[in-house]
Amino acid sequence: KLQPGCILARGGCRVGFCRPDQKYPEGPERFKTCQVLSTTAFSSGQHYWEVDVKGAKRWIVGVACHSIQRKVAGNDSFIGYNNKSWSLFYQNYLGMSHNNVQENIDSDTPPQALGIHLNHDAGQLSFYQLGDTMQHLHTYTASFTEPLHAATPKGPPLGSPVNYQEQVPSLLCSFHQ
């Protein structure tokens, strides 16, 4: 499900950005924009994963429904900008976004690592800042009616030059059941 310019490391847990584009086959699961979904879909139960965002100047992480739009460049396909995805982001401030509604989250320092807990059956998606202690950042409550994937945009902003230098490091995640 990789967008041109994205690379996926062995084991499927690290996503990076590179130029020139890697040659992956086109298909209905590919995004037109720089979005990446996990190959694992969560359709019930509780799931937890961690994401290392250390050193990132900006990032977005969250979950998206399998049916999120993939072949358009706009809010219908951007993580957190539609009713098919929920996100936590950092871009000089910490915030959350769902259905194109953003809200600031108070945090003394930018997170270096995140814990994400999905309780699909209870309709809860929680984000935690990891460190010496685990700090709750935000919980979404929703009726999840279809499988969800871990999701992140990856790569240059739309319209960036070919020689764009990546500002976001590779995202590393580990899934736990």
C-alpha atoms as a PDB file:
ATOM      1  CA  LYS A   1       0.000   0.000   0.000  1.00  0.00           C
ATOM      2  CA  LEU A   2       3.004   2.268  -0.475  1.00  0.00           C
ATOM      3  CA  GLN A   3       2.881   5.631  -2.191  1.00  0.00           C
ATOM      4  CA  PRO A   4       5.679   6.353  -4.687  1.00  0.00           C
ATOM      5  CA  GLY A   5       8.715   7.594  -2.752  1.00  0.00           C
ATOM      6  CA  CYS A   6       8.024   5.412   0.281  1.00  0.00           C
ATOM      7  CA  ILE A   7      10.116   2.459   1.289  1.00  0.00           C
ATOM      8  CA  LEU A   8       9.123  -0.327   3.646  1.00  0.00           C
ATOM      9  CA  ALA A   9      11.811  -2.123   5.603  1.00  0.00           C
ATOM     10  CA  ARG A  10      11.966  -5.862   6.141  1.00  0.00           C
ATOM     11  CA  GLY A  11       9.323  -6.961   8.639  1.00  0.00           C
ATOM     12  CA  GLY A  12       6.995  -4.122   7.643  1.00  0.00           C
ATOM     13  CA  CYS A  13       7.527  -2.003  10.757  1.00  0.00           C
ATOM     14  CA  ARG A  14       9.633   0.874   9.434  1.00  0.00           C
ATOM     15  CA  VAL A  15       8.513   3.331   6.798  1.00  0.00           C
ATOM     16  CA  GLY A  16      10.877   5.817   5.196  1.00  0.00           C
ATOM     17  CA  PHE A  17      11.022   8.230   2.299  1.00  0.00           C
ATOM     18  CA  CYS A  18      13.482   8.173  -0.574  1.00  0.00           C
ATOM     19  CA  ARG A  19      14.158   9.554  -4.013  1.00  0.00           C
ATOM     20  CA  PRO A  20      14.085   8.230  -6.658  1.00  0.00           C
ATOM     21  CA  ASP A  21      10.754   6.496  -6.259  1.00  0.00           C
ATOM     22  CA  GLN A  22      10.801   2.766  -5.659  1.00  0.00           C
ATOM     23  CA  LYS A  23       9.006   0.693  -8.293  1.00  0.00           C
ATOM     24  CA  TYR A  24       5.954  -0.853  -6.624  1.00  0.00           C
ATOM     25  CA  PRO A  25       3.008  -1.979  -8.753  1.00  0.00           C
ATOM     26  CA  GLU A  26       0.027   0.356  -9.070  1.00  0.00           C
ATOM     27  CA  GLY A  27      -3.240  -0.959  -7.657  1.00  0.00           C
ATOM     28  CA  PRO A  28      -6.484  -0.042  -5.908  1.00  0.00           C
ATOM     29  CA  GLU A  29      -4.850  -0.153  -2.450  1.00  0.00           C
ATOM     30  CA  ARG A  30      -2.192   2.462  -3.326  1.00  0.00           C
ATOM     31  CA  PHE A  31      -2.666   6.070  -2.253  1.00  0.00           C
ATOM     32  CA  LYS A  32      -2.246   8.944  -4.681  1.00  0.00           C
ATOM     33  CA  THR A  33      -0.760  10.958  -1.800  1.00  0.00           C
ATOM     34  CA  CYS A  34       1.940  10.047   0.717  1.00  0.00           C
ATOM     35  CA  GLN A  35      -0.118   7.940   3.099  1.00  0.00           C
ATOM     36  CA  VAL A  36       0.756   4.545   4.507  1.00  0.00           C
ATOM     37  CA  LEU A  37      -1.579   2.049   6.179  1.00  0.00           C
ATOM     38  CA  SER A  38      -0.504  -0.990   8.141  1.00  0.00           C
ATOM     39  CA  THR A  39      -0.998  -4.316   6.419  1.00  0.00           C
ATOM     40  CA  THR A  40      -2.668  -5.504   9.626  1.00  0.00           C
ATOM     41  CA  ALA A  41      -6.325  -4.487   9.999  1.00  0.00           C
ATOM     42  CA  PHE A  42      -7.983  -4.418  13.408  1.00  0.00           C
ATOM     43  CA  SER A  43     -11.661  -5.421  13.260  1.00  0.00           C
ATOM     44  CA  SER A  44     -12.262  -6.302  16.926  1.00  0.00           C
ATOM     45  CA  GLY A  45     -10.543  -6.535  20.289  1.00  0.00           C
ATOM     46  CA  GLN A  46      -7.828  -4.442  21.906  1.00  0.00           C
ATOM     47  CA  HIS A  47      -4.535  -3.558  20.242  1.00  0.00           C
ATOM     48  CA  TYR A  48      -1.515  -1.522  21.310  1.00  0.00           C
ATOM     49  CA  TRP A  49       1.467  -0.227  19.354  1.00  0.00           C
ATOM     50  CA  GLU A  50       4.277   2.234  19.889  1.00  0.00           C
ATOM     51  CA  VAL A  51       5.719   4.761  17.481  1.00  0.00           C
ATOM     52  CA  ASP A  52       9.156   6.349  17.802  1.00  0.00           C
ATOM     53  CA  VAL A  53       8.982   9.990  16.656  1.00  0.00           C
ATOM     54  CA  LYS A  54      12.268  11.100  18.251  1.00  0.00           C
ATOM     55  CA  GLY A  55      13.932  13.879  16.278  1.00  0.00           C
ATOM     56  CA  ALA A  56      10.936  14.530  14.043  1.00  0.00           C
ATOM     57  CA  LYS A  57      10.164  18.174  13.334  1.00  0.00           C
ATOM     58  CA  ARG A  58       6.594  17.225  12.457  1.00  0.00           C
ATOM     59  CA  TRP A  59       4.545  14.042  12.254  1.00  0.00           C
ATOM     60  CA  ILE A  60       1.040  12.589  12.082  1.00  0.00           C
ATOM     61  CA  VAL A  61       0.048   9.162  13.397  1.00  0.00           C
ATOM     62  CA  GLY A  62      -3.336   7.556  13.851  1.00  0.00           C
ATOM     63  CA  VAL A  63      -5.760   5.071  12.401  1.00  0.00           C
ATOM     64  CA  ALA A  64      -7.839   4.967   9.241  1.00  0.00           C
ATOM     65  CA  CYS A  65     -10.748   2.874   8.041  1.00  0.00           C
ATOM     66  CA  HIS A  66      -9.949   0.463   5.251  1.00  0.00           C
ATOM     67  CA  SER A  67     -12.419   2.376   3.049  1.00  0.00           C
ATOM     68  CA  ILE A  68     -10.554   5.735   3.270  1.00  0.00           C
ATOM     69  CA  GLN A  69     -10.262   7.360  -0.166  1.00  0.00           C
ATOM     70  CA  ARG A  70      -6.963   6.528  -1.852  1.00  0.00           C
ATOM     71  CA  LYS A  71      -7.130   7.915  -5.383  1.00  0.00           C
ATOM     72  CA  VAL A  72      -7.727  11.604  -4.607  1.00  0.00           C
ATOM     73  CA  ALA A  73      -5.367  14.289  -3.340  1.00  0.00           C
ATOM     74  CA  GLY A  74      -7.352  16.175  -0.740  1.00  0.00           C
ATOM     75  CA  ASN A  75      -9.043  15.977   2.630  1.00  0.00           C
ATOM     76  CA  ASP A  76     -10.911  12.788   1.682  1.00  0.00           C
ATOM     77  CA  SER A  77      -7.594  10.918   1.778  1.00  0.00           C
ATOM     78  CA  PHE A  78      -5.539  12.825   4.388  1.00  0.00           C
ATOM     79  CA  ILE A  79      -5.209  11.218   7.824  1.00  0.00           C
ATOM     80  CA  GLY A  80      -7.343  13.178  10.331  1.00  0.00           C
ATOM     81  CA  TYR A  81      -9.125  15.310   7.740  1.00  0.00           C
ATOM     82  CA  ASN A  82     -12.171  13.110   7.142  1.00  0.00           C
ATOM     83  CA  ASN A  83     -14.652  10.895   8.961  1.00  0.00           C
ATOM     84  CA  LYS A  84     -12.615   7.798   8.047  1.00  0.00           C
ATOM     85  CA  SER A  85      -9.507   8.618  10.119  1.00  0.00           C
ATOM     86  CA  TRP A  86      -8.367   9.845  13.542  1.00  0.00           C
ATOM     87  CA  SER A  87      -4.934  11.331  14.246  1.00  0.00           C
ATOM     88  CA  LEU A  88      -2.490  12.882  16.656  1.00  0.00           C
ATOM     89  CA  PHE A  89      -0.008  15.339  15.131  1.00  0.00           C
ATOM     90  CA  TYR A  90       2.934  17.570  15.958  1.00  0.00           C
ATOM     91  CA  GLN A  91       3.920  20.662  13.961  1.00  0.00           C
ATOM     92  CA  ASN A  92       5.335  23.192  16.461  1.00  0.00           C
ATOM     93  CA  TYR A  93       2.437  22.196  18.727  1.00  0.00           C
ATOM     94  CA  LEU A  94       0.689  18.974  19.661  1.00  0.00           C
ATOM     95  CA  GLY A  95      -2.830  18.412  18.416  1.00  0.00           C
ATOM     96  CA  MET A  96      -5.502  15.951  17.394  1.00  0.00           C
ATOM     97  CA  SER A  97      -7.595  15.860  14.250  1.00  0.00           C
ATOM     98  CA  HIS A  98     -10.705  14.041  13.043  1.00  0.00           C
ATOM     99  CA  ASN A  99     -13.069  15.036  10.237  1.00  0.00           C
ATOM    100  CA  ASN A 100     -10.998  18.183   9.581  1.00  0.00           C
ATOM    101  CA  VAL A 101     -11.510  19.445  13.145  1.00  0.00           C
ATOM    102  CA  GLN A 102      -8.229  20.135  14.957  1.00  0.00           C
ATOM    103  CA  GLU A 103      -7.731  20.754  18.649  1.00  0.00           C
ATOM    104  CA  ASN A 104      -4.566  21.650  20.557  1.00  0.00           C
ATOM    105  CA  ILE A 105      -3.308  19.312  23.278  1.00  0.00           C
ATOM    106  CA  ASP A 106      -1.328  20.677  26.224  1.00  0.00           C
ATOM    107  CA  SER A 107       2.133  19.131  26.523  1.00  0.00           C
ATOM    108  CA  ASP A 108       5.263  20.487  28.188  1.00  0.00           C
ATOM    109  CA  THR A 109       7.620  18.837  25.700  1.00  0.00           C
ATOM    110  CA  PRO A 110       7.207  17.309  22.255  1.00  0.00           C
ATOM    111  CA  PRO A 111       6.755  13.534  22.518  1.00  0.00           C
ATOM    112  CA  GLN A 112       9.720  11.339  21.609  1.00  0.00           C
ATOM    113  CA  ALA A 113       7.676   8.153  21.593  1.00  0.00           C
ATOM    114  CA  LEU A 114       3.961   7.414  21.519  1.00  0.00           C
ATOM    115  CA  GLY A 115       1.782   4.582  22.721  1.00  0.00           C
ATOM    116  CA  ILE A 116      -1.465   4.004  20.828  1.00  0.00           C
ATOM    117  CA  HIS A 117      -4.221   1.836  22.284  1.00  0.00           C
ATOM    118  CA  LEU A 118      -7.220   0.804  20.201  1.00  0.00           C
ATOM    119  CA  ASN A 119     -10.220  -0.840  21.841  1.00  0.00           C
ATOM    120  CA  HIS A 120     -12.237  -1.529  18.698  1.00  0.00           C
ATOM    121  CA  ASP A 121     -15.214  -3.099  20.499  1.00  0.00           C
ATOM    122  CA  ALA A 122     -15.565  -0.220  22.996  1.00  0.00           C
ATOM    123  CA  GLY A 123     -14.972   2.415  20.278  1.00  0.00           C
ATOM    124  CA  GLN A 124     -11.943   4.020  21.944  1.00  0.00           C
ATOM    125  CA  LEU A 125      -8.635   5.149  20.463  1.00  0.00           C
ATOM    126  CA  SER A 126      -6.138   6.520  23.005  1.00  0.00           C
ATOM    127  CA  PHE A 127      -2.762   8.212  22.552  1.00  0.00           C
ATOM    128  CA  TYR A 128      -0.042   8.306  25.224  1.00  0.00           C
ATOM    129  CA  GLN A 129       3.281  10.091  25.517  1.00  0.00           C
ATOM    130  CA  LEU A 130       5.914   7.559  26.553  1.00  0.00           C
ATOM    131  CA  GLY A 131       8.920   8.347  28.714  1.00  0.00           C
ATOM    132  CA  ASP A 132       9.771   7.889  32.379  1.00  0.00           C
ATOM    133  CA  THR A 133       6.016   7.811  32.907  1.00  0.00           C
ATOM    134  CA  MET A 134       3.136   7.242  30.495  1.00  0.00           C
ATOM    135  CA  GLN A 135       1.077  10.419  30.026  1.00  0.00           C
ATOM    136  CA  HIS A 136      -2.412  10.258  28.519  1.00  0.00           C
ATOM    137  CA  LEU A 137      -2.746  12.764  25.665  1.00  0.00           C
ATOM    138  CA  HIS A 138      -6.159  12.159  24.108  1.00  0.00           C
ATOM    139  CA  THR A 139      -8.904   9.558  23.680  1.00  0.00           C
ATOM    140  CA  TYR A 140     -11.333   9.466  20.777  1.00  0.00           C
ATOM    141  CA  THR A 141     -14.675   7.769  21.292  1.00  0.00           C
ATOM    142  CA  ALA A 142     -16.455   6.573  18.149  1.00  0.00           C
ATOM    143  CA  SER A 143     -18.481   3.699  16.747  1.00  0.00           C
ATOM    144  CA  PHE A 144     -15.938   1.797  14.670  1.00  0.00           C
ATOM    145  CA  THR A 145     -17.981  -0.033  12.046  1.00  0.00           C
ATOM    146  CA  GLU A 146     -15.180  -1.394   9.867  1.00  0.00           C
ATOM    147  CA  PRO A 147     -11.583  -2.581  10.170  1.00  0.00           C
ATOM    148  CA  LEU A 148      -8.995   0.040  11.138  1.00  0.00           C
ATOM    149  CA  HIS A 149      -5.342   0.291  10.106  1.00  0.00           C
ATOM    150  CA  ALA A 150      -2.464   2.094  11.785  1.00  0.00           C
ATOM    151  CA  ALA A 151      -1.846   5.081   9.506  1.00  0.00           C
ATOM    152  CA  THR A 152       0.643   7.844   8.819  1.00  0.00           C
ATOM    153  CA  PRO A 153       1.437  10.231   6.006  1.00  0.00           C
ATOM    154  CA  LYS A 154       4.983   9.670   4.799  1.00  0.00           C
ATOM    155  CA  GLY A 155       7.003  11.689   2.367  1.00  0.00           C
ATOM    156  CA  PRO A 156       7.156  15.255   1.121  1.00  0.00           C
ATOM    157  CA  PRO A 157       4.261  17.692   1.248  1.00  0.00           C
ATOM    158  CA  LEU A 158       2.303  17.957  -1.983  1.00  0.00           C
ATOM    159  CA  GLY A 159       4.062  20.124  -4.538  1.00  0.00           C
ATOM    160  CA  SER A 160       7.524  19.663  -2.978  1.00  0.00           C
ATOM    161  CA  PRO A 161      10.501  19.706  -5.345  1.00  0.00           C
ATOM    162  CA  VAL A 162      12.128  16.447  -6.404  1.00  0.00           C
ATOM    163  CA  ASN A 163      15.177  17.277  -4.252  1.00  0.00           C
ATOM    164  CA  TYR A 164      13.036  17.694  -1.115  1.00  0.00           C
ATOM    165  CA  GLN A 165      15.012  16.801   2.001  1.00  0.00           C
ATOM    166  CA  GLU A 166      12.981  14.703   4.400  1.00  0.00           C
ATOM    167  CA  GLN A 167      12.079  16.502   7.628  1.00  0.00           C
ATOM    168  CA  VAL A 168      10.438  13.494   9.247  1.00  0.00           C
ATOM    169  CA  PRO A 169      12.568  10.497  10.218  1.00  0.00           C
ATOM    170  CA  SER A 170      11.497   6.951   9.506  1.00  0.00           C
ATOM    171  CA  LEU A 171       8.678   5.900  11.788  1.00  0.00           C
ATOM    172  CA  LEU A 172       9.353   2.752  13.750  1.00  0.00           C
ATOM    173  CA  CYS A 173       6.493   0.882  15.346  1.00  0.00           C
ATOM    174  CA  SER A 174       6.025  -2.276  17.355  1.00  0.00           C
ATOM    175  CA  PHE A 175       2.654  -3.997  17.654  1.00  0.00           C
ATOM    176  CA  HIS A 176       1.471  -5.838  20.775  1.00  0.00           C
ATOM    177  CA  GLN A 177      -1.648  -7.963  21.242  1.00  0.00           C
END
